[in-house]
Amino acid sequence: QVRLVESEGGSVQAGGSLRLSCVASGSIYSGYVMAWFRQAPGKEREGVAGIDDDDNIRYTDSVKGRFTISRDHAKKTVYLQMNNLKPDDTAMYYCAAAVVNGGRHLLGVFGLDYEKYNFYGQGTQVTVSS
């Protein structure tokens, strides 16, 4: 089992920055992909960014150039640095992980498809005011 705990989100004004972190505990050693998803009220959940342990990275178009996903394998932590935030970024952000022991290039398998992931955090709220 894998447990995911997100850092606290926050409220910022448009143009500001926030960094989210997600710490994994449990059976996550090699063969994993971690991703951030978000859901705003009245909108569908969308994949924001993902990274696997081969360091493949993917972003949804709306955050390219503004958000950066990274990971610290030793700390079993994935980060989401969010710069130049916009009101449209306001949402509940969720961390998710998929683990396939010995798996490689898993971002290519799981993509940013929330339903394919195995484990989920409880979510953290990000609010951007104009």
Protein backbone atom coordinates (compact mmCIF):
# COMPACT_ATOMS: atom_id res chain seq x y z
CA GLN A 1 0.00 0.00 0.00
CA VAL A 2 1.01 3.56 -0.66
CA ARG A 3 -0.16 6.59 1.27
CA LEU A 4 0.05 10.07 -0.24
CA VAL A 5 0.00 13.25 1.79
CA GLU A 6 -0.15 16.63 0.07
CA SER A 7 1.15 19.83 1.57
CA GLU A 8 -1.21 22.60 2.40
CA GLY A 9 -2.26 24.69 -0.58
CA GLY A 10 -3.01 28.32 -0.20
CA SER A 11 -4.50 31.52 -1.49
CA VAL A 12 -2.55 33.91 -3.69
CA GLN A 13 -3.23 36.75 -6.03
CA ALA A 14 -2.95 36.33 -9.76
CA GLY A 15 0.66 36.30 -10.83
CA GLY A 16 1.79 34.76 -7.58
CA SER A 17 3.46 31.42 -6.91
CA LEU A 18 2.86 28.37 -4.78
CA ARG A 19 4.67 25.08 -4.37
CA LEU A 20 2.83 21.89 -3.57
CA SER A 21 4.49 18.75 -2.34
CA CYS A 22 3.27 15.19 -2.06
CA VAL A 23 5.03 12.70 0.17
CA ALA A 24 4.58 9.00 -0.46
CA SER A 25 4.97 6.37 2.19
CA GLY A 26 4.78 2.63 1.82
CA SER A 27 5.78 0.30 -0.97
CA ILE A 28 7.11 2.66 -3.58
CA TYR A 29 10.63 1.83 -4.68
CA SER A 30 11.10 1.51 -8.41
CA GLY A 31 8.51 1.52 -11.11
CA TYR A 32 6.18 4.37 -10.34
CA VAL A 33 4.60 7.46 -11.78
CA MET A 34 3.24 10.35 -9.76
CA ALA A 35 0.98 13.08 -10.98
CA TRP A 36 -1.06 16.08 -9.99
CA PHE A 37 -4.70 16.45 -10.89
CA ARG A 38 -7.12 19.25 -10.15
CA GLN A 39 -10.82 19.80 -10.06
CA ALA A 40 -12.60 23.11 -9.90
CA PRO A 41 -16.26 23.41 -8.87
CA GLY A 42 -18.51 22.55 -11.75
CA LYS A 43 -15.65 21.38 -13.93
CA GLU A 44 -14.25 18.02 -14.83
CA ARG A 45 -11.12 16.76 -13.16
CA GLU A 46 -8.04 17.28 -15.29
CA GLY A 47 -4.48 16.05 -15.23
CA VAL A 48 -2.02 18.84 -14.56
CA ALA A 49 1.41 17.24 -14.64
CA GLY A 50 3.04 13.86 -14.23
CA ILE A 51 6.53 12.46 -13.71
CA ASP A 52 7.83 8.90 -13.58
CA ASP A 53 11.01 7.47 -12.13
CA ASP A 54 12.63 7.55 -15.56
CA ASP A 55 12.09 11.32 -15.35
CA ASN A 56 9.61 11.45 -18.17
CA ILE A 57 7.45 14.53 -17.65
CA ARG A 58 4.17 15.68 -19.08
CA TYR A 59 2.05 18.80 -18.62
CA THR A 60 -1.39 19.78 -19.67
CA ASP A 61 -1.25 22.61 -22.18
CA SER A 62 -2.75 25.25 -19.91
CA VAL A 63 0.13 25.07 -17.42
CA LYS A 64 3.09 24.67 -19.74
CA GLY A 65 5.70 27.31 -19.07
CA ARG A 66 4.17 28.16 -15.69
CA PHE A 67 4.21 24.93 -13.67
CA THR A 68 7.15 22.63 -13.02
CA ILE A 69 6.90 19.12 -11.65
CA SER A 70 9.91 17.50 -10.03
CA ARG A 71 10.68 14.66 -7.72
CA ASP A 72 13.07 13.64 -4.97
CA HIS A 73 13.33 9.87 -5.12
CA ALA A 74 15.13 9.54 -1.80
CA LYS A 75 12.40 11.49 -0.05
CA LYS A 76 9.62 9.83 -2.07
CA THR A 77 8.31 13.30 -2.74
CA VAL A 78 6.95 14.99 -5.83
CA TYR A 79 6.69 18.75 -6.10
CA LEU A 80 4.58 21.07 -8.20
CA GLN A 81 5.99 24.56 -8.52
CA MET A 82 3.27 26.87 -9.77
CA ASN A 83 4.26 30.28 -11.07
CA ASN A 84 2.27 33.07 -12.67
CA LEU A 85 -0.90 31.65 -11.22
CA LYS A 86 -4.20 32.61 -12.77
CA PRO A 87 -7.73 32.59 -11.35
CA ASP A 88 -8.48 29.64 -13.64
CA ASP A 89 -5.92 27.63 -11.66
CA THR A 90 -8.23 27.74 -8.65
CA ALA A 91 -9.11 24.16 -7.82
CA MET A 92 -8.65 21.29 -5.44
CA TYR A 93 -5.34 19.69 -6.33
CA TYR A 94 -4.81 15.97 -5.87
CA CYS A 95 -1.66 13.91 -5.89
CA ALA A 96 -1.86 10.42 -7.35
CA ALA A 97 0.54 7.55 -7.84
CA ALA A 98 0.67 4.38 -9.87
CA VAL A 99 3.11 1.67 -8.90
CA VAL A 100 4.27 -1.21 -11.07
CA ASN A 101 7.26 -2.90 -9.50
CA GLY A 102 10.07 -2.91 -12.00
CA GLY A 103 8.02 -0.96 -14.51
CA ARG A 104 9.72 1.51 -16.81
CA HIS A 105 8.56 4.70 -18.49
CA LEU A 106 5.24 4.44 -16.74
CA LEU A 107 4.10 7.93 -17.68
CA GLY A 108 3.69 6.58 -21.17
CA VAL A 109 1.39 3.88 -19.80
CA PHE A 110 -0.68 5.82 -17.29
CA GLY A 111 -0.51 9.28 -18.80
CA LEU A 112 -2.64 11.85 -17.01
CA ASP A 113 -5.64 9.56 -16.75
CA TYR A 114 -6.83 9.79 -13.16
CA GLU A 115 -8.76 6.52 -13.23
CA LYS A 116 -5.64 4.54 -14.11
CA TYR A 117 -3.75 5.51 -10.97
CA ASN A 118 -3.66 3.25 -7.93
CA PHE A 119 -3.31 5.64 -5.03
CA TYR A 120 -4.64 9.09 -4.25
CA GLY A 121 -4.10 11.88 -1.78
CA GLN A 122 -6.90 13.71 -0.07
CA GLY A 123 -6.44 16.94 -1.95
CA THR A 124 -5.36 20.46 -1.15
CA GLN A 125 -7.08 23.70 -2.09
CA VAL A 126 -5.42 26.33 -4.25
CA THR A 127 -7.23 29.63 -4.67
CA VAL A 128 -6.06 32.38 -6.98
CA SER A 129 -7.77 35.75 -6.78
CA SER A 130 -7.78 38.34 -9.52
